[in-house]
């Protein structure tokens, strides 16, 4: 009887030891600047009326809570343009914010 009790105690101790002998949890990797740079940038959309446009800048007027507001966008060689960007045309601009500036990625204008 004493040997059975000893065997049960050893079995419980062995099982408990195995249960608590797991590998320590690993820490999650910290985010690095290069990982953030590799992430795609989110774009925004604005629609309104073209106030002015040239090769490097577009000014769009749109209404916010019933009041006209102007937004400026930087145009560059990567900006996809379709339609005639002239004053008075309706336009939709997809843009991203870089260094505090709205950089147009896609501009579609219609008369």
Protein backbone atom coordinates (compact mmCIF):
# COMPACT_ATOMS: atom_id res chain seq x y z
CA UNK A 1 0.00 0.00 0.00
CA UNK A 2 2.83 2.35 0.89
CA UNK A 3 4.51 1.66 -2.49
CA UNK A 4 1.28 2.42 -4.37
CA UNK A 5 0.95 5.73 -2.51
CA UNK A 6 4.58 6.56 -3.32
CA UNK A 7 4.03 5.69 -7.00
CA UNK A 8 0.93 7.92 -7.17
CA UNK A 9 2.82 10.80 -5.56
CA UNK A 10 5.72 10.40 -8.01
CA UNK A 11 3.30 10.24 -10.98
CA UNK A 12 1.56 13.45 -9.89
CA UNK A 13 4.91 15.18 -9.34
CA UNK A 14 6.16 14.04 -12.75
CA UNK A 15 2.98 15.24 -14.53
CA UNK A 16 3.11 18.58 -12.73
CA UNK A 17 6.76 18.99 -13.68
CA UNK A 18 6.02 18.33 -17.36
CA UNK A 19 3.06 20.73 -17.34
CA UNK A 20 5.16 23.59 -15.93
CA UNK A 21 8.29 22.86 -17.94
CA UNK A 22 7.09 24.60 -21.10
CA UNK A 23 9.41 26.86 -23.06
CA UNK A 24 9.22 30.51 -22.01
CA UNK A 25 7.01 32.73 -24.15
CA UNK A 26 8.84 34.69 -26.81
CA UNK A 27 8.42 38.42 -27.07
CA UNK A 28 6.73 39.88 -30.12
CA UNK A 29 9.19 41.60 -32.46
CA UNK A 30 9.29 45.36 -32.23
CA UNK A 31 8.22 47.37 -35.25
CA UNK A 32 11.02 49.00 -37.13
CA UNK A 33 11.03 51.98 -39.40
CA UNK A 34 11.77 49.80 -42.41
CA UNK A 35 8.67 47.69 -41.70
CA UNK A 36 6.57 50.84 -41.48
CA UNK A 37 8.04 52.12 -44.73
CA UNK A 38 7.15 48.88 -46.48
CA UNK A 39 3.48 49.15 -45.45
CA UNK A 40 1.17 50.58 -48.10
CA UNK A 41 0.06 54.15 -47.54
CA UNK A 42 -3.63 54.84 -47.14
CA UNK A 43 -5.23 57.17 -49.66
CA UNK A 44 -8.05 59.63 -49.18
CA UNK A 45 -10.66 60.87 -51.66
CA UNK A 46 -11.97 64.38 -52.29
CA UNK A 47 -14.49 65.52 -54.90
CA UNK A 48 -15.41 69.01 -55.98
CA UNK A 49 -14.88 71.73 -58.55
CA UNK A 50 -11.47 72.64 -59.99
CA UNK A 51 -10.50 76.20 -58.98
CA UNK A 52 -7.09 76.11 -60.70
CA UNK A 53 -4.63 73.57 -62.06
CA UNK A 54 -1.15 73.54 -63.53
CA UNK A 55 1.57 70.92 -63.97
CA UNK A 56 2.45 70.74 -60.28
CA UNK A 57 -0.61 71.90 -58.32
CA UNK A 58 -4.38 71.42 -58.25
CA UNK A 59 -6.81 73.48 -56.17
CA UNK A 60 -10.22 71.93 -55.60
CA UNK A 61 -13.29 73.57 -54.03
CA UNK A 62 -15.68 71.28 -52.15
CA UNK A 63 -18.43 71.79 -49.60
CA UNK A 64 -18.04 70.85 -45.95
CA UNK A 65 -21.22 71.25 -43.89
CA UNK A 66 -22.65 73.54 -46.59
CA UNK A 67 -19.59 75.84 -46.74
CA UNK A 68 -17.17 75.95 -49.67
CA UNK A 69 -13.63 74.95 -48.75
CA UNK A 70 -10.53 74.82 -50.91
CA UNK A 71 -7.99 72.00 -50.84
CA UNK A 72 -4.61 72.05 -52.57
CA UNK A 73 -2.92 68.98 -54.03
CA UNK A 74 0.60 68.47 -55.30
CA UNK A 75 0.78 66.83 -58.74
CA UNK A 76 3.91 64.88 -59.70
CA UNK A 77 5.10 62.44 -62.36
CA UNK A 78 3.38 59.55 -60.52
CA UNK A 79 -0.04 61.25 -60.54
CA UNK A 80 -2.49 59.50 -62.88
CA UNK A 81 -4.60 62.15 -64.67
CA UNK A 82 -7.68 61.71 -66.82
CA UNK A 83 -10.01 64.33 -68.26
CA UNK A 84 -9.49 68.05 -68.80
CA UNK A 85 -8.28 69.69 -65.56
CA UNK A 86 -9.62 73.18 -66.18
CA UNK A 87 -11.32 75.67 -63.88
CA UNK A 88 -14.97 74.80 -63.34
CA UNK A 89 -14.62 71.10 -64.13
CA UNK A 90 -15.86 68.53 -61.63
CA UNK A 91 -13.04 66.33 -60.30
CA UNK A 92 -12.36 63.46 -57.96
CA UNK A 93 -8.90 63.26 -56.40
CA UNK A 94 -7.34 60.26 -54.67
CA UNK A 95 -4.48 61.50 -52.54
CA UNK A 96 -2.09 60.63 -49.73
CA UNK A 97 -0.56 62.89 -47.12
CA UNK A 98 3.25 63.12 -47.19
CA UNK A 99 5.22 65.56 -45.05
CA UNK A 100 2.09 67.61 -44.38
CA UNK A 101 1.17 67.93 -48.09
CA UNK A 102 -1.71 66.36 -50.01
CA UNK A 103 -0.08 64.47 -52.90
CA UNK A 104 -2.51 63.44 -55.63
CA UNK A 105 -2.17 59.84 -56.80
CA UNK A 106 -5.14 59.85 -59.21
CA UNK A 107 -7.22 62.73 -60.62
CA UNK A 108 -10.35 62.26 -62.75
CA UNK A 109 -12.02 65.34 -64.21
CA UNK A 110 -15.30 65.73 -66.10
CA UNK A 111 -16.87 68.85 -67.58
